[in-house]
Amino acid sequence: MNEKELSAVHVTPLNELRDKIDTIDQEILMLINQRASCALEVAKTKIALGEQGSFYRPDRESLVLRRIKELNPGPLPNQTAVRFFRELMSSCLALEKPLDVAYLGPEGTFTQQAVLKHFGNAVKAIPEATINDIFTTVENGGCQFGVVPVENSTEGIISYTFDRFLVSPLYICGEVEIQIHQNLMSKQSDRTLINEIFSHQQSLAQCRQWLDRNFPNVKLSAVSSNSEAAKLASVTANTAAIAGRAAAEVYNLHILEKNIEDESNNTTRFIIIGKQTSASTGNDKTSLVVSTGNQPGALHKILEPFAKLGIGLLNIEPRPSRKGLWEYVFFIDIEGHSDDEMVAHALEMLRGHVSMLKLLGSYPKAVL
């Protein structure tokens, strides 16, 4: 458009728009710091009341973020508004008391991405070598929380996470979901020279069809994490790794092929583990593990209380109990919080039908 055309449609001059943006930015900065000052006052009040440990409250954060989604008038999408406020809350919490969170390392894993999505970038993320190490670190007080993978939409449950709960005193206090995009990366730019591909066994499985089509004769080697795969590919000639984009940046690898996962909606669910419990938010789920021993109609006895009281069953996974031949424990996710009247009633009914019931935690559903 020329100047005459711009004048005809009453377009605001750029210098006026930029001045307006500068004024708004100044107001936003002032309000952000007012919020931070208020967060510091919250910390003082908690300390004065004798509160110790972590000041992070998953139920409070969930309520705030859901409220932001409800209040958001646009044009920013809800996901952007939530991400902004999550980072703001993360920075305010760091002013109150720094938060250490253990994750499956090394740097650049999807588990680290889950930490940053759920807690924000102001936390101190501590890499651990195995899922067991994450549990142990949180149990021993080395970190206030840990993040562990629990299931993938393509390949199903991560069985070791479930099994570790059988002997752990920790609770589930939150969850986060990450859409998983797998990438082939290497120091090599010529993919015909690749003779071995490293990745976590779950990621190899998620890309099985693509690998069969493109690298049918190449050796596939399972390692402890995708980030470890990228690290190996960075120092081993004629090899590649399957991992997330962050791992390519950390280990300076070329991404040879993007988004090679077989399922486009490939998603992994992670859970937050810690010593504290979460209060009811009105949009929660409860996880528990039960055992009936080896008896007829065991599964019916487990499901009956939930069916009678109209409580939604979200997931049920059997696992060997390791205490007797053909004896199983069942990991169950249900709708609602254990403090909700109907859920509490159902759990009390269930106790009369099982030999063991362990409440793993009630927590807010993931804010997407």
Protein backbone atom coordinates (compact mmCIF):
# COMPACT_ATOMS: atom_id res chain seq x y z
CA MET A 1 0.00 0.00 0.00
CA ASN A 2 1.08 3.61 -0.66
CA GLU A 3 0.58 6.46 1.86
CA LYS A 4 -2.76 7.52 0.31
CA GLU A 5 -4.14 3.95 0.58
CA LEU A 6 -2.92 3.63 4.18
CA SER A 7 -4.65 6.87 5.09
CA ALA A 8 -7.90 5.69 3.47
CA VAL A 9 -8.12 2.58 5.70
CA HIS A 10 -7.10 4.49 8.86
CA VAL A 11 -4.01 2.36 9.60
CA THR A 12 -2.27 3.37 12.84
CA PRO A 13 1.27 4.62 12.21
CA LEU A 14 4.03 2.21 13.29
CA ASN A 15 5.66 4.68 15.67
CA GLU A 16 2.37 5.05 17.60
CA LEU A 17 1.96 1.25 17.81
CA ARG A 18 5.53 0.82 19.02
CA ASP A 19 5.08 3.51 21.67
CA LYS A 20 1.93 1.74 22.82
CA ILE A 21 3.76 -1.61 23.01
CA ASP A 22 6.58 0.00 25.04
CA THR A 23 4.04 1.39 27.52
CA ILE A 24 2.29 -1.98 27.84
CA ASP A 25 5.63 -3.77 28.33
CA GLN A 26 6.49 -1.37 31.16
CA GLU A 27 3.13 -2.06 32.82
CA ILE A 28 3.58 -5.84 32.42
CA LEU A 29 7.06 -5.66 33.95
CA MET A 30 5.73 -3.70 36.92
CA LEU A 31 2.89 -6.21 37.46
CA ILE A 32 5.21 -9.21 37.14
CA ASN A 33 7.45 -7.81 39.85
CA GLN A 34 4.42 -7.02 42.04
CA ARG A 35 3.47 -10.69 41.74
CA ALA A 36 7.02 -11.73 42.65
CA SER A 37 6.94 -9.49 45.72
CA CYS A 38 3.64 -11.06 46.74
CA ALA A 39 5.20 -14.53 46.33
CA LEU A 40 8.00 -13.51 48.70
CA GLU A 41 5.38 -12.40 51.25
CA VAL A 42 3.70 -15.81 50.87
CA ALA A 43 7.04 -17.46 51.69
CA LYS A 44 7.48 -15.32 54.81
CA THR A 45 3.98 -16.22 55.98
CA LYS A 46 4.58 -19.96 55.40
CA ILE A 47 7.85 -19.84 57.33
CA ALA A 48 6.21 -17.91 60.18
CA LEU A 49 3.52 -20.62 60.36
CA GLY A 50 6.25 -23.26 60.70
CA GLU A 51 5.89 -24.73 57.23
CA GLN A 52 8.97 -26.64 56.07
CA GLY A 53 10.02 -28.54 52.98
CA SER A 54 8.89 -27.56 49.48
CA PHE A 55 6.58 -24.59 48.94
CA TYR A 56 5.42 -26.07 45.63
CA ARG A 57 1.74 -27.04 45.65
CA PRO A 58 0.61 -28.99 42.57
CA ASP A 59 -3.07 -28.47 43.37
CA ARG A 60 -2.66 -24.68 43.68
CA GLU A 61 -0.65 -24.47 40.44
CA SER A 62 -3.24 -26.54 38.58
CA LEU A 63 -6.07 -24.31 39.78
CA VAL A 64 -4.21 -21.16 38.72
CA LEU A 65 -3.39 -22.49 35.25
CA ARG A 66 -6.92 -23.74 34.63
CA ARG A 67 -8.23 -20.32 35.69
CA ILE A 68 -5.86 -18.67 33.20
CA LYS A 69 -7.31 -20.84 30.43
CA GLU A 70 -10.85 -19.85 31.43
CA LEU A 71 -10.00 -16.13 31.62
CA ASN A 72 -7.92 -15.95 28.43
CA PRO A 73 -9.74 -13.71 25.91
CA GLY A 74 -7.25 -14.24 23.06
CA PRO A 75 -5.85 -13.69 20.53
CA LEU A 76 -3.05 -15.65 22.25
CA PRO A 77 -4.00 -19.37 22.32
CA ASN A 78 -4.56 -21.01 25.71
CA GLN A 79 -1.39 -23.08 25.37
CA THR A 80 0.73 -19.93 25.02
CA ALA A 81 -0.99 -18.18 27.94
CA VAL A 82 -0.51 -21.26 30.16
CA ARG A 83 3.16 -21.56 29.20
CA PHE A 84 3.78 -17.90 30.04
CA PHE A 85 2.13 -18.15 33.46
CA ARG A 86 3.86 -21.45 34.22
CA GLU A 87 7.23 -19.76 33.71
CA LEU A 88 6.13 -16.81 35.81
CA MET A 89 5.04 -19.13 38.63
CA SER A 90 8.28 -21.10 38.30
CA SER A 91 10.38 -17.95 38.72
CA CYS A 92 8.29 -16.75 41.67
CA LEU A 93 8.62 -20.13 43.38
CA ALA A 94 12.39 -20.03 42.88
CA LEU A 95 12.41 -16.70 44.78
CA GLU A 96 10.52 -18.36 47.66
CA LYS A 97 12.65 -21.50 47.81
CA PRO A 98 14.70 -23.20 45.04
CA LEU A 99 13.23 -26.48 43.77
CA ASP A 100 15.36 -29.51 42.81
CA VAL A 101 13.76 -32.06 40.48
CA ALA A 102 15.36 -35.38 39.47
CA TYR A 103 14.89 -36.70 35.95
CA LEU A 104 16.13 -39.48 33.68
CA GLY A 105 19.32 -38.09 32.18
CA PRO A 106 21.66 -37.17 30.72
CA GLU A 107 20.74 -33.68 29.50
CA GLY A 108 18.46 -33.58 26.46
CA THR A 109 16.00 -36.41 27.26
CA PHE A 110 12.25 -36.26 26.88
CA THR A 111 12.04 -36.60 30.66
CA GLN A 112 13.95 -33.34 31.02
CA GLN A 113 11.46 -31.75 28.62
CA ALA A 114 8.66 -33.02 30.87
CA VAL A 115 10.36 -31.40 33.90
CA LEU A 116 10.55 -28.03 32.17
CA LYS A 117 6.99 -28.24 30.84
CA HIS A 118 5.57 -29.04 34.28
CA PHE A 119 7.81 -27.00 36.60
CA GLY A 120 9.18 -24.28 34.30
CA ASN A 121 12.79 -23.34 33.61
CA ALA A 122 13.52 -21.82 37.04
CA VAL A 123 13.85 -25.24 38.71
CA LYS A 124 17.17 -27.03 39.10
CA ALA A 125 16.88 -30.23 37.04
CA ILE A 126 19.12 -33.02 38.36
CA PRO A 127 19.94 -35.84 35.89
CA GLU A 128 19.91 -39.44 37.15
CA ALA A 129 21.09 -42.54 35.31
CA THR A 130 18.04 -44.76 35.92
CA ILE A 131 14.40 -44.63 37.03
CA ASN A 132 15.45 -46.40 40.22
CA ASP A 133 17.99 -43.64 40.92
CA ILE A 134 15.24 -41.01 40.57
CA PHE A 135 13.08 -42.79 43.16
CA THR A 136 16.06 -43.27 45.50
CA THR A 137 17.18 -39.63 45.25
CA VAL A 138 13.70 -38.33 46.14
CA GLU A 139 13.26 -40.93 48.91
CA ASN A 140 16.58 -39.86 50.46
CA GLY A 141 15.78 -36.13 50.23
CA GLY A 142 18.32 -35.33 47.51
CA CYS A 143 15.53 -33.72 45.47
CA GLN A 144 12.05 -32.64 46.47
CA PHE A 145 10.47 -34.21 43.38
CA GLY A 146 11.23 -36.55 40.52
CA VAL A 147 9.76 -37.02 37.06
CA VAL A 148 9.50 -40.53 35.60
CA PRO A 149 7.85 -41.90 32.43
CA VAL A 150 4.87 -44.16 33.06
CA GLU A 151 3.28 -44.96 29.68
CA ASN A 152 3.49 -44.27 25.96
CA SER A 153 0.49 -44.10 23.64
CA THR A 154 2.23 -46.35 21.10
CA GLU A 155 4.18 -48.85 23.20
CA GLY A 156 2.20 -48.98 26.45
CA ILE A 157 3.43 -48.94 30.05
CA ILE A 158 6.96 -48.50 31.36
CA SER A 159 6.82 -51.52 33.63
CA TYR A 160 9.79 -50.64 35.85
CA THR A 161 8.12 -47.42 37.00
CA PHE A 162 5.05 -49.38 38.10
CA ASP A 163 7.11 -52.08 39.84
CA ARG A 164 9.20 -49.52 41.75
CA PHE A 165 6.05 -48.18 43.43
CA LEU A 166 5.52 -51.54 45.15
CA VAL A 167 8.43 -50.79 47.50
CA SER A 168 8.49 -46.98 47.50
CA PRO A 169 6.89 -44.68 50.12
CA LEU A 170 6.58 -41.87 47.55
CA TYR A 171 3.32 -40.48 46.20
CA ILE A 172 2.22 -39.41 42.74
CA CYS A 173 1.48 -35.69 43.04
CA GLY A 174 1.11 -34.65 39.40
CA GLU A 175 1.32 -35.68 35.77
CA VAL A 176 2.46 -34.17 32.48
CA GLU A 177 2.12 -35.33 28.88
CA ILE A 178 4.66 -34.72 26.11
CA GLN A 179 4.08 -35.29 22.41
CA ILE A 180 7.09 -37.30 21.29
CA HIS A 181 8.82 -36.51 18.02
CA GLN A 182 11.74 -38.81 17.24
CA ASN A 183 14.61 -37.70 15.00
CA LEU A 184 17.50 -39.51 13.36
CA MET A 185 20.75 -37.65 14.14
CA SER A 186 24.43 -38.22 13.54
CA LYS A 187 27.85 -36.62 13.17
CA GLN A 188 27.64 -37.99 9.63
CA SER A 189 25.79 -36.05 6.97
CA ASP A 190 25.78 -39.11 4.67
CA ARG A 191 23.24 -41.62 6.03
CA THR A 192 24.58 -44.40 3.76
CA LEU A 193 27.69 -44.60 6.01
CA ILE A 194 25.66 -45.40 9.16
CA ASN A 195 26.16 -48.98 10.39
CA GLU A 196 24.63 -48.74 13.91
CA ILE A 197 21.77 -46.78 15.48
CA PHE A 198 21.50 -46.15 19.23
CA SER A 199 18.31 -45.35 21.15
CA HIS A 200 16.21 -46.30 24.14
CA GLN A 201 14.30 -49.53 23.54
CA GLN A 202 10.96 -47.67 23.71
CA SER A 203 12.06 -45.24 20.99
CA LEU A 204 13.34 -48.05 18.78
CA ALA A 205 9.92 -49.67 19.12
CA GLN A 206 8.14 -46.38 18.33
CA CYS A 207 10.10 -46.12 15.06
CA ARG A 208 10.11 -49.81 14.14
CA GLN A 209 8.32 -49.49 10.78
CA TRP A 210 10.40 -46.52 9.67
CA LEU A 211 13.62 -48.31 10.58
CA ASP A 212 12.56 -51.47 8.73
CA ARG A 213 11.92 -49.41 5.60
CA ASN A 214 15.00 -47.21 5.73
CA PHE A 215 17.68 -49.17 7.63
CA PRO A 216 16.75 -52.86 7.33
CA ASN A 217 20.33 -54.13 7.68
CA VAL A 218 21.71 -51.69 10.25
CA LYS A 219 22.42 -52.82 13.82
CA LEU A 220 19.98 -51.35 16.38
CA SER A 221 21.39 -50.97 19.90
CA ALA A 222 19.23 -50.22 22.94
CA VAL A 223 20.77 -47.90 25.56
CA SER A 224 19.60 -46.35 28.84
CA SER A 225 18.14 -43.16 27.34
CA ASN A 226 17.80 -41.27 24.06
CA SER A 227 20.20 -38.65 25.32
CA GLU A 228 22.78 -41.34 26.08
CA ALA A 229 22.23 -42.56 22.50
CA ALA A 230 22.99 -39.08 21.16
CA LYS A 231 26.08 -38.88 23.34
CA LEU A 232 27.35 -42.20 21.96
CA ALA A 233 26.63 -41.14 18.37
CA SER A 234 28.63 -37.97 18.93
CA VAL A 235 31.82 -39.92 19.72
CA THR A 236 31.39 -43.11 17.66
CA ALA A 237 32.15 -43.07 13.95
CA ASN A 238 29.49 -44.14 11.42
CA THR A 239 26.69 -44.30 13.97
CA ALA A 240 23.45 -42.43 14.55
CA ALA A 241 20.93 -41.93 17.34
CA ILE A 242 17.18 -41.62 17.61
CA ALA A 243 16.30 -38.86 20.05
CA GLY A 244 14.55 -35.53 20.53
CA ARG A 245 15.68 -32.25 18.98
CA ALA A 246 17.15 -31.06 22.31
CA ALA A 247 19.65 -33.94 22.31
CA ALA A 248 20.90 -32.94 18.85
CA GLU A 249 21.58 -29.43 20.13
CA VAL A 250 23.33 -30.65 23.29
CA TYR A 251 25.64 -33.08 21.44
CA ASN A 252 26.08 -31.06 18.23
CA LEU A 253 24.57 -33.63 15.86
CA HIS A 254 23.02 -33.19 12.41
CA ILE A 255 19.32 -34.07 12.24
CA LEU A 256 19.16 -36.30 9.17
CA GLU A 257 15.43 -37.03 9.35
CA LYS A 258 12.68 -35.42 11.44
CA ASN A 259 9.59 -36.97 13.03
CA ILE A 260 10.33 -40.61 12.21
CA GLU A 261 7.91 -42.04 14.80
CA ASP A 262 5.38 -44.49 13.30
CA GLU A 263 2.39 -42.83 14.99
CA SER A 264 1.91 -39.08 14.47
CA ASN A 265 0.13 -38.65 17.84
CA ASN A 266 2.88 -40.45 19.75
CA THR A 267 2.60 -39.18 23.37
CA THR A 268 4.31 -40.14 26.62
CA ARG A 269 2.78 -39.58 30.04
CA PHE A 270 5.10 -38.72 32.91
CA ILE A 271 4.26 -38.60 36.61
CA ILE A 272 5.62 -36.36 39.35
CA ILE A 273 6.76 -38.26 42.44
CA GLY A 274 7.38 -36.78 45.87
CA LYS A 275 6.69 -37.04 49.59
CA GLN A 276 3.75 -34.66 49.69
CA THR A 277 0.14 -35.22 48.73
CA SER A 278 -2.12 -32.99 46.66
CA ALA A 279 -5.44 -31.47 47.74
CA SER A 280 -8.59 -31.87 45.68
CA THR A 281 -9.01 -29.48 42.74
CA GLY A 282 -12.27 -30.83 41.31
CA ASN A 283 -10.45 -32.19 38.23
CA ASP A 284 -8.29 -34.99 39.58
CA LYS A 285 -7.40 -38.62 39.18
CA THR A 286 -6.39 -41.21 41.77
CA SER A 287 -3.84 -43.99 41.30
CA LEU A 288 -3.70 -47.13 43.44
CA VAL A 289 -2.33 -50.64 43.42
CA VAL A 290 -4.28 -53.65 44.73
CA SER A 291 -3.73 -57.38 45.11
CA THR A 292 -6.35 -60.08 45.49
CA GLY A 293 -4.14 -63.13 45.60
CA ASN A 294 -4.84 -66.05 43.28
CA GLN A 295 -8.62 -66.38 43.57
CA PRO A 296 -11.59 -66.74 41.19
CA GLY A 297 -13.36 -63.55 40.11
CA ALA A 298 -10.52 -61.34 41.31
CA LEU A 299 -10.89 -58.72 38.60
CA HIS A 300 -14.67 -58.51 39.09
CA LYS A 301 -14.19 -57.86 42.81
CA ILE A 302 -11.80 -55.01 41.99
CA LEU A 303 -14.06 -53.32 39.45
CA GLU A 304 -17.39 -53.79 41.24
CA PRO A 305 -17.15 -50.88 43.76
CA PHE A 306 -16.31 -48.38 41.02
CA ALA A 307 -19.09 -49.62 38.77
CA LYS A 308 -21.67 -49.49 41.58
CA LEU A 309 -20.81 -45.90 42.47
CA GLY A 310 -20.40 -44.65 38.90
CA ILE A 311 -16.70 -43.80 39.20
CA GLY A 312 -14.83 -43.69 35.89
CA LEU A 313 -12.05 -46.24 35.44
CA LEU A 314 -9.26 -44.61 33.42
CA ASN A 315 -6.72 -47.42 33.30
CA ILE A 316 -5.93 -50.83 34.77
CA GLU A 317 -2.61 -52.64 34.35
CA PRO A 318 -1.83 -56.11 35.76
CA ARG A 319 1.71 -56.85 36.88
CA PRO A 320 3.21 -60.04 38.39
CA SER A 321 3.32 -59.73 42.17
CA ARG A 322 6.61 -61.65 42.34
CA LYS A 323 5.31 -63.31 45.51
CA GLY A 324 3.65 -66.38 44.06
CA LEU A 325 3.07 -68.19 40.78
CA TRP A 326 0.29 -66.53 38.72
CA GLU A 327 -0.37 -63.94 41.40
CA TYR A 328 -0.85 -60.39 40.15
CA VAL A 329 -1.16 -56.86 41.41
CA PHE A 330 -3.32 -54.34 39.54
CA PHE A 331 -2.33 -50.71 39.01
CA ILE A 332 -5.50 -48.64 38.62
CA ASP A 333 -6.27 -45.03 37.67
CA ILE A 334 -9.75 -43.70 38.47
CA GLU A 335 -11.58 -40.39 38.13
CA GLY A 336 -11.67 -38.13 41.19
CA HIS A 337 -9.75 -37.50 44.40
CA SER A 338 -9.50 -39.88 47.35
CA ASP A 339 -11.02 -37.15 49.56
CA ASP A 340 -14.14 -36.98 47.36
CA GLU A 341 -17.07 -38.62 49.11
CA MET A 342 -17.91 -41.19 46.41
CA VAL A 343 -14.27 -42.09 45.75
CA ALA A 344 -13.59 -42.53 49.47
CA HIS A 345 -16.66 -44.78 49.71
CA ALA A 346 -15.52 -46.88 46.75
CA LEU A 347 -12.02 -47.31 48.21
CA GLU A 348 -13.52 -48.42 51.53
CA MET A 349 -15.67 -51.00 49.72
CA LEU A 350 -12.63 -52.18 47.76
CA ARG A 351 -10.61 -52.79 50.93
CA GLY A 352 -13.06 -55.52 51.88
CA HIS A 353 -12.43 -57.42 48.63
CA VAL A 354 -8.62 -57.30 48.34
CA SER A 355 -5.67 -58.52 50.33
CA MET A 356 -3.66 -55.33 49.73
CA LEU A 357 -4.55 -51.78 48.74
CA LYS A 358 -1.94 -49.04 48.44
CA LEU A 359 -2.97 -45.50 47.52
CA LEU A 360 -0.30 -44.09 45.22
CA GLY A 361 -1.76 -40.61 45.16
CA SER A 362 -4.54 -38.28 44.10
CA TYR A 363 -3.41 -35.42 41.88
CA PRO A 364 -4.57 -32.86 39.30
CA LYS A 365 -5.00 -34.05 35.73
CA ALA A 366 -2.39 -32.74 33.32
CA VAL A 367 -2.92 -29.17 32.09
CA LEU A 368 -2.26 -29.46 28.36
